[in-house]
């Protein structure tokens, strides 16, 4: 019962970050000069929470923007941010005398490549959503400082709490945004990132309950970049199976699978895997934690506490992203075998293999 109550409290605290967020407030968006990295004050003048920006985010009807942030219907939209980076993090949450760590994210984006678009950018819309919920922030910039806004700028915002074990699509739009909901769905109008939040970590959390936080995004040239958050050091869960699933289930290119091992002594918070030379399609990333000692009593890494000690699990946790759309404008065709087209940041730490048998059976198991 105590666990259920705690879960309710943590979920409520996550959702009520927006319940308590005022209609507009002093802006928490940090703005930096791109080249020097210098922090610039007073660029963002207002920040709106989900209650204020959600009606617009669901319709892209400009009349649904907050009254003090109105955009004339005739005003053209500006180009999307040049780049977007999302880094998963764990933020402390105090409940009574106990400190828990709840998943959050650091969101960073750069202003448009186009100088005219930068001059006419009046703000940004940040959205993070999953199938059951849409959260957002709307940032209003000081439109009187066009000389400053015309420069290359970098923006940083912290999402303090994400619902644990949920997958989100993060989007950033420049304001003025697209003029219709249909137009807003085109990838050319926003920068995006897929993230999967890990679990809440409380004192004495069982390793068998842990899953890694994950980010994934399409990059130019028909590729997907995947970052896998490393486990707490005392868990020692360092091996991961990463599978790319193609939505169309092409007989010869349905899956790509690679194995990532965290390098010994690594101080980095995450590891990198990239899948390249992909077709125009949608892809899902499935990450499974591997326990090399799962069949050895007393040595297993994925275990949970039971009345008489530790119970080894048959398999560790897994994470899967939502579908990620890859669009390739022009790409030379290649006859290179798929198993030779997997790249990663540590070649010595990765091994590649292909799984192309029992497609329908595997599809049913995964989805």
Protein backbone atom coordinates (compact mmCIF):
# COMPACT_ATOMS: atom_id res chain seq x y z
CA UNK A 1 0.00 0.00 0.00
CA UNK A 2 2.85 2.36 0.84
CA UNK A 3 4.30 1.93 -2.65
CA UNK A 4 0.92 2.72 -4.24
CA UNK A 5 0.54 5.87 -2.16
CA UNK A 6 4.07 6.94 -3.05
CA UNK A 7 3.43 6.34 -6.73
CA UNK A 8 0.30 8.46 -6.52
CA UNK A 9 2.16 11.27 -4.75
CA UNK A 10 4.96 11.27 -7.33
CA UNK A 11 2.54 11.24 -10.24
CA UNK A 12 0.47 14.00 -8.68
CA UNK A 13 3.58 16.10 -8.07
CA UNK A 14 4.60 15.64 -11.72
CA UNK A 15 1.24 16.69 -13.08
CA UNK A 16 0.81 19.55 -10.63
CA UNK A 17 3.98 21.24 -11.82
CA UNK A 18 1.61 22.74 -14.40
CA UNK A 19 -1.43 22.91 -12.10
CA UNK A 20 0.43 25.44 -10.00
CA UNK A 21 2.09 27.22 -12.92
CA UNK A 22 0.70 30.76 -13.30
CA UNK A 23 -0.83 32.00 -16.55
CA UNK A 24 2.34 33.98 -17.24
CA UNK A 25 5.39 34.48 -15.10
CA UNK A 26 8.94 35.70 -15.11
CA UNK A 27 10.62 33.76 -17.88
CA UNK A 28 12.80 30.79 -16.88
CA UNK A 29 14.20 30.45 -20.41
CA UNK A 30 17.95 31.15 -20.46
CA UNK A 31 19.36 32.83 -23.57
CA UNK A 32 23.03 32.70 -24.64
CA UNK A 33 25.07 34.24 -27.44
CA UNK A 34 25.84 31.24 -29.65
CA UNK A 35 29.51 31.93 -30.37
CA UNK A 36 30.74 33.28 -27.04
CA UNK A 37 28.36 31.38 -24.78
CA UNK A 38 27.64 34.60 -22.87
CA UNK A 39 24.36 34.67 -20.92
CA UNK A 40 22.07 37.48 -22.15
CA UNK A 41 19.55 38.95 -19.72
CA UNK A 42 15.97 40.12 -20.32
CA UNK A 43 15.47 38.59 -23.79
CA UNK A 44 12.49 36.49 -22.72
CA UNK A 45 9.86 38.60 -20.98
CA UNK A 46 7.02 36.13 -20.28
CA UNK A 47 6.53 32.38 -19.89
CA UNK A 48 3.16 30.64 -20.15
CA UNK A 49 2.35 27.23 -18.66
CA UNK A 50 0.39 24.35 -20.20
CA UNK A 51 -3.00 25.73 -19.17
CA UNK A 52 -2.37 28.79 -21.33
CA UNK A 53 -0.56 27.26 -24.30
CA UNK A 54 -2.28 23.86 -24.57
CA UNK A 55 -5.40 25.16 -26.47
CA UNK A 56 -3.18 26.61 -29.17
CA UNK A 57 -0.80 23.60 -29.21
CA UNK A 58 -3.71 21.29 -30.00
CA UNK A 59 -5.18 23.39 -32.83
CA UNK A 60 -2.58 25.91 -34.10
CA UNK A 61 -5.44 28.35 -34.38
CA UNK A 62 -3.77 31.68 -33.62
CA UNK A 63 -6.89 32.97 -31.91
CA UNK A 64 -6.16 30.41 -29.15
CA UNK A 65 -2.87 32.07 -28.21
CA UNK A 66 -2.86 33.96 -24.89
CA UNK A 67 -4.41 37.39 -25.33
CA UNK A 68 -1.16 39.20 -24.50
CA UNK A 69 0.69 37.10 -27.08
CA UNK A 70 -1.57 37.52 -30.09
CA UNK A 71 -0.18 37.03 -33.61
CA UNK A 72 -2.11 38.57 -36.54
CA UNK A 73 -3.49 35.94 -38.94
CA UNK A 74 -1.78 37.65 -41.86
CA UNK A 75 1.70 37.54 -40.32
CA UNK A 76 3.92 34.92 -41.95
CA UNK A 77 5.51 32.13 -39.93
CA UNK A 78 9.27 32.04 -39.41
CA UNK A 79 11.71 29.17 -39.87
CA UNK A 80 12.15 26.49 -37.23
CA UNK A 81 15.12 26.40 -34.82
CA UNK A 82 18.41 25.35 -36.38
CA UNK A 83 19.03 22.55 -33.88
CA UNK A 84 17.58 20.85 -30.82
CA UNK A 85 19.32 18.83 -28.10
CA UNK A 86 17.65 17.09 -25.15
CA UNK A 87 19.67 15.68 -22.27
CA UNK A 88 17.96 13.45 -19.71
CA UNK A 89 18.61 14.19 -16.04
CA UNK A 90 17.41 13.14 -12.61
CA UNK A 91 16.03 15.90 -10.37
CA UNK A 92 15.55 15.59 -6.59
CA UNK A 93 12.07 15.48 -5.09
CA UNK A 94 11.65 15.63 -1.31
CA UNK A 95 8.79 13.68 0.26
CA UNK A 96 8.84 13.85 4.04
CA UNK A 97 12.40 13.04 5.08
CA UNK A 98 13.14 11.01 1.97
CA UNK A 99 14.79 12.32 -1.19
CA UNK A 100 13.68 10.72 -4.45
CA UNK A 101 15.09 11.39 -7.90
CA UNK A 102 12.54 11.95 -10.64
CA UNK A 103 13.36 12.03 -14.37
CA UNK A 104 13.60 15.43 -16.02
CA UNK A 105 15.23 16.90 -19.12
CA UNK A 106 17.43 19.76 -20.22
CA UNK A 107 16.17 21.19 -23.53
CA UNK A 108 18.52 23.27 -25.70
CA UNK A 109 17.89 24.78 -29.11
CA UNK A 110 19.48 27.33 -31.45
CA UNK A 111 17.80 30.11 -33.39
CA UNK A 112 17.06 29.76 -37.09
CA UNK A 113 19.73 29.70 -39.79
CA UNK A 114 17.90 32.52 -41.57
CA UNK A 115 18.70 36.05 -40.32
CA UNK A 116 15.33 37.50 -41.40
CA UNK A 117 13.52 34.73 -39.52
CA UNK A 118 15.61 35.47 -36.42
CA UNK A 119 14.72 39.17 -36.59
CA UNK A 120 11.01 38.36 -36.78
CA UNK A 121 10.95 35.61 -34.15
CA UNK A 122 8.63 36.71 -31.35
CA UNK A 123 9.06 33.63 -29.18
CA UNK A 124 9.10 29.85 -29.03
CA UNK A 125 6.64 27.05 -28.32
CA UNK A 126 8.05 24.02 -26.49
CA UNK A 127 5.89 20.86 -26.45
CA UNK A 128 6.51 17.50 -24.80
CA UNK A 129 3.74 14.96 -25.30
CA UNK A 130 2.82 11.30 -25.12
CA UNK A 131 -0.36 9.52 -26.17
CA UNK A 132 -2.34 10.56 -23.08
CA UNK A 133 -1.01 14.02 -22.28
CA UNK A 134 0.40 17.18 -23.84
CA UNK A 135 2.50 19.60 -21.82
CA UNK A 136 3.89 22.85 -23.18
CA UNK A 137 5.59 26.15 -22.52
CA UNK A 138 5.21 29.35 -24.53
CA UNK A 139 8.02 31.89 -24.34
CA UNK A 140 7.52 35.53 -25.37
CA UNK A 141 10.63 37.44 -26.45
CA UNK A 142 11.13 41.20 -26.33
CA UNK A 143 10.27 42.12 -29.93
CA UNK A 144 11.84 45.57 -29.52
CA UNK A 145 15.40 44.17 -29.53
CA UNK A 146 15.50 43.07 -33.17
CA UNK A 147 19.25 43.83 -33.43
CA UNK A 148 19.95 41.29 -30.69
CA UNK A 149 17.41 38.74 -31.92
CA UNK A 150 18.96 38.86 -35.39
CA UNK A 151 22.15 37.36 -33.93
CA UNK A 152 22.69 33.61 -33.52
CA UNK A 153 21.32 32.69 -30.08
CA UNK A 154 21.05 29.52 -28.03
CA UNK A 155 18.15 28.79 -25.65
CA UNK A 156 18.05 26.55 -22.59
CA UNK A 157 15.07 25.33 -20.55
CA UNK A 158 14.80 22.72 -17.79
CA UNK A 159 11.81 20.41 -17.61
CA UNK A 160 11.92 19.62 -13.92
CA UNK A 161 9.67 16.55 -13.80
CA UNK A 162 8.61 14.02 -16.43
CA UNK A 163 6.18 11.20 -15.85
CA UNK A 164 8.39 8.16 -15.09
CA UNK A 165 8.68 5.38 -17.69
CA UNK A 166 6.85 7.39 -20.35
CA UNK A 167 8.01 8.12 -23.89
CA UNK A 168 7.67 11.70 -25.10
CA UNK A 169 8.02 13.57 -28.36
CA UNK A 170 9.68 16.93 -27.73
CA UNK A 171 9.04 19.69 -30.30
CA UNK A 172 10.14 23.31 -30.55
CA UNK A 173 8.42 25.78 -32.90
CA UNK A 174 9.50 29.33 -33.65
CA UNK A 175 6.78 31.96 -33.20
CA UNK A 176 4.98 33.08 -35.43
CA UNK A 177 4.23 29.40 -35.99
CA UNK A 178 2.52 27.56 -38.87
CA UNK A 179 -0.96 28.88 -39.63
CA UNK A 180 -2.82 25.56 -39.44
CA UNK A 181 -2.76 22.27 -37.59
CA UNK A 182 -2.09 20.41 -40.85
CA UNK A 183 0.91 22.59 -41.64
CA UNK A 184 2.25 22.23 -38.09
CA UNK A 185 2.60 18.45 -38.54
CA UNK A 186 5.23 18.84 -41.27
CA UNK A 187 8.75 18.15 -40.02
CA UNK A 188 10.01 21.27 -41.79
CA UNK A 189 8.11 23.44 -39.28
CA UNK A 190 9.63 22.17 -36.01
CA UNK A 191 12.73 20.66 -34.42
CA UNK A 192 12.02 17.37 -32.63
CA UNK A 193 13.50 14.77 -30.27
CA UNK A 194 12.19 11.45 -28.91
CA UNK A 195 12.83 10.81 -25.21
CA UNK A 196 11.95 7.96 -22.85
CA UNK A 197 12.02 8.79 -19.16
CA UNK A 198 13.52 6.32 -16.73
CA UNK A 199 11.95 5.30 -13.42
CA UNK A 200 11.88 7.31 -10.22
CA UNK A 201 14.89 6.34 -8.11
CA UNK A 202 14.21 6.10 -4.38
CA UNK A 203 16.61 4.95 -1.65
CA UNK A 204 17.36 1.23 -1.94
CA UNK A 205 15.70 0.87 -5.32
CA UNK A 206 16.03 -2.70 -6.63
CA UNK A 207 18.25 -2.93 -9.75
CA UNK A 208 15.67 -5.17 -11.40
CA UNK A 209 13.23 -2.25 -11.48
CA UNK A 210 15.60 0.07 -13.35
CA UNK A 211 15.30 0.99 -17.03
CA UNK A 212 17.54 3.49 -18.81
CA UNK A 213 16.46 6.96 -19.87
CA UNK A 214 16.72 7.21 -23.65
CA UNK A 215 16.75 9.95 -26.27
CA UNK A 216 16.48 9.38 -30.02
CA UNK A 217 16.25 11.68 -32.99
CA UNK A 218 16.51 11.59 -36.78
CA UNK A 219 19.55 13.36 -38.21
CA UNK A 220 20.48 14.43 -41.71
CA UNK A 221 21.41 11.81 -44.25
CA UNK A 222 18.84 9.20 -43.22
CA UNK A 223 20.06 8.28 -39.75
CA UNK A 224 18.82 7.99 -36.17
CA UNK A 225 20.98 8.85 -33.17
CA UNK A 226 20.21 7.06 -29.90
CA UNK A 227 21.59 7.99 -26.47
CA UNK A 228 21.27 5.55 -23.56
CA UNK A 229 21.54 6.79 -19.98
CA UNK A 230 23.98 4.84 -17.82
CA UNK A 231 22.72 3.11 -14.68
CA UNK A 232 23.58 4.15 -11.11
CA UNK A 233 27.12 2.91 -10.47
CA UNK A 234 26.08 0.46 -7.73
CA UNK A 235 23.71 -1.33 -10.16
CA UNK A 236 26.58 -2.14 -12.57
CA UNK A 237 24.15 -2.63 -15.47
CA UNK A 238 26.40 -1.77 -18.39
CA UNK A 239 25.21 -3.92 -21.32
CA UNK A 240 22.33 -3.08 -23.64
CA UNK A 241 20.72 -4.63 -26.71
CA UNK A 242 19.52 -1.92 -29.10
CA UNK A 243 17.11 -2.87 -31.89
CA UNK A 244 15.83 -0.67 -34.69
CA UNK A 245 12.42 -1.79 -35.99
CA UNK A 246 11.19 -0.62 -39.39
CA UNK A 247 7.47 0.06 -39.54
CA UNK A 248 6.94 -1.21 -43.07
CA UNK A 249 8.54 -4.56 -42.13
CA UNK A 250 10.50 -4.90 -45.34
CA UNK A 251 11.57 -8.55 -45.51
CA UNK A 252 15.26 -7.71 -45.84
CA UNK A 253 15.48 -4.58 -43.72
CA UNK A 254 13.01 -5.18 -40.92
CA UNK A 255 15.47 -5.07 -38.03
CA UNK A 256 18.93 -3.87 -37.15
CA UNK A 257 20.34 -4.91 -33.79
CA UNK A 258 23.52 -3.84 -32.05
CA UNK A 259 24.95 -4.37 -28.58
CA UNK A 260 26.30 -1.48 -26.52
CA UNK A 261 28.57 -1.92 -23.51
CA UNK A 262 29.45 1.02 -21.28
CA UNK A 263 33.25 1.41 -21.39
CA UNK A 264 34.94 0.48 -18.08
CA UNK A 265 35.54 3.52 -15.88
CA UNK A 266 33.38 5.76 -18.08
CA UNK A 267 32.41 9.06 -16.48
CA UNK A 268 29.94 9.95 -19.22
CA UNK A 269 26.23 9.95 -18.25
CA UNK A 270 25.16 8.25 -21.49
CA UNK A 271 26.30 6.16 -24.42
CA UNK A 272 25.73 6.74 -28.14
CA UNK A 273 24.45 4.39 -30.86
CA UNK A 274 23.68 5.49 -34.44
CA UNK A 275 21.79 3.73 -37.22
CA UNK A 276 22.64 5.07 -40.67
CA UNK A 277 21.64 4.77 -44.35
CA UNK A 278 17.97 4.37 -43.47
CA UNK A 279 15.07 4.52 -45.93
CA UNK A 280 12.15 6.95 -45.88
CA UNK A 281 10.03 5.27 -43.22
CA UNK A 282 9.13 5.26 -39.53
CA UNK A 283 11.29 3.44 -36.98
CA UNK A 284 10.99 2.38 -33.37
CA UNK A 285 13.97 1.89 -31.03
CA UNK A 286 13.80 -0.95 -28.49
CA UNK A 287 16.48 -1.06 -25.74
CA UNK A 288 16.80 -4.04 -23.44
CA UNK A 289 19.10 -4.17 -20.41
CA UNK A 290 21.27 -7.30 -20.44
CA UNK A 291 22.33 -9.23 -17.32
CA UNK A 292 25.28 -11.49 -18.26
CA UNK A 293 24.88 -13.37 -14.94
CA UNK A 294 21.11 -13.87 -15.01
CA UNK A 295 21.46 -17.67 -14.71
CA UNK A 296 24.04 -17.62 -11.93
CA UNK A 297 22.58 -17.62 -8.40
CA UNK A 298 24.18 -15.01 -6.19
CA UNK A 299 25.76 -13.15 -9.10
CA UNK A 300 22.76 -11.86 -11.05
CA UNK A 301 22.54 -8.08 -11.54
CA UNK A 302 18.80 -7.79 -12.23
CA UNK A 303 17.21 -8.70 -8.92
CA UNK A 304 14.44 -7.57 -6.62
CA UNK A 305 14.10 -7.93 -2.87
CA UNK A 306 11.81 -10.67 -1.54
CA UNK A 307 11.05 -11.91 1.96
CA UNK A 308 13.91 -14.42 1.99
CA UNK A 309 16.53 -12.26 0.24
CA UNK A 310 17.08 -11.48 -3.44
CA UNK A 311 15.19 -12.90 -6.39
CA UNK A 312 16.95 -12.99 -9.77
CA UNK A 313 14.73 -11.95 -12.68
CA UNK A 314 14.65 -13.93 -15.91
CA UNK A 315 15.12 -10.71 -17.87
CA UNK A 316 15.94 -7.07 -17.15
CA UNK A 317 13.79 -4.09 -18.06
CA UNK A 318 13.28 -2.72 -21.57
CA UNK A 319 12.39 0.63 -23.13
CA UNK A 320 10.84 1.42 -26.49
CA UNK A 321 10.37 4.77 -28.20
CA UNK A 322 7.42 5.89 -30.24
CA UNK A 323 7.74 5.79 -34.03
CA UNK A 324 10.39 8.13 -35.42
CA UNK A 325 9.94 9.45 -38.96
CA UNK A 326 13.02 9.51 -41.18
CA UNK A 327 12.85 11.60 -44.34
CA UNK A 328 15.62 11.44 -46.90
CA UNK A 329 15.47 13.97 -49.73
CA UNK A 330 18.24 12.71 -51.98
CA UNK A 331 20.40 9.70 -51.22
CA UNK A 332 22.52 7.43 -53.38
CA UNK A 333 21.40 3.82 -53.29
CA UNK A 334 23.87 1.31 -51.91
CA UNK A 335 24.28 -2.42 -52.10
CA UNK A 336 26.22 -2.45 -48.84
CA UNK A 337 24.94 -5.21 -46.51
CA UNK A 338 22.75 -3.93 -43.70
CA UNK A 339 25.00 -5.49 -41.05
CA UNK A 340 27.86 -3.25 -42.24
CA UNK A 341 25.78 -0.07 -42.03
CA UNK A 342 25.59 0.22 -38.23
CA UNK A 343 27.88 2.83 -36.72
CA UNK A 344 28.54 3.90 -33.15
CA UNK A 345 30.86 6.01 -31.05
CA UNK A 346 32.94 3.13 -29.65
CA UNK A 347 33.49 0.48 -32.37
CA UNK A 348 35.44 -1.76 -30.04
CA UNK A 349 32.51 -1.86 -27.66
CA UNK A 350 29.85 -2.77 -30.20
CA UNK A 351 28.95 -5.91 -32.09
CA UNK A 352 26.36 -6.01 -34.86
CA UNK A 353 23.88 -8.66 -35.80
CA UNK A 354 20.72 -8.94 -37.85
CA UNK A 355 17.45 -10.50 -36.82
CA UNK A 356 15.28 -11.24 -39.84
CA UNK A 357 13.55 -14.48 -38.95
CA UNK A 358 10.10 -15.09 -37.52
CA UNK A 359 9.03 -11.53 -38.34
CA UNK A 360 5.39 -11.85 -37.44
CA UNK A 361 6.11 -13.65 -34.18
CA UNK A 362 8.64 -11.04 -33.14
CA UNK A 363 6.32 -8.23 -34.17
CA UNK A 364 3.58 -9.57 -31.93
CA UNK A 365 5.94 -9.95 -28.98
CA UNK A 366 7.22 -6.39 -29.29
CA UNK A 367 3.99 -4.58 -29.94
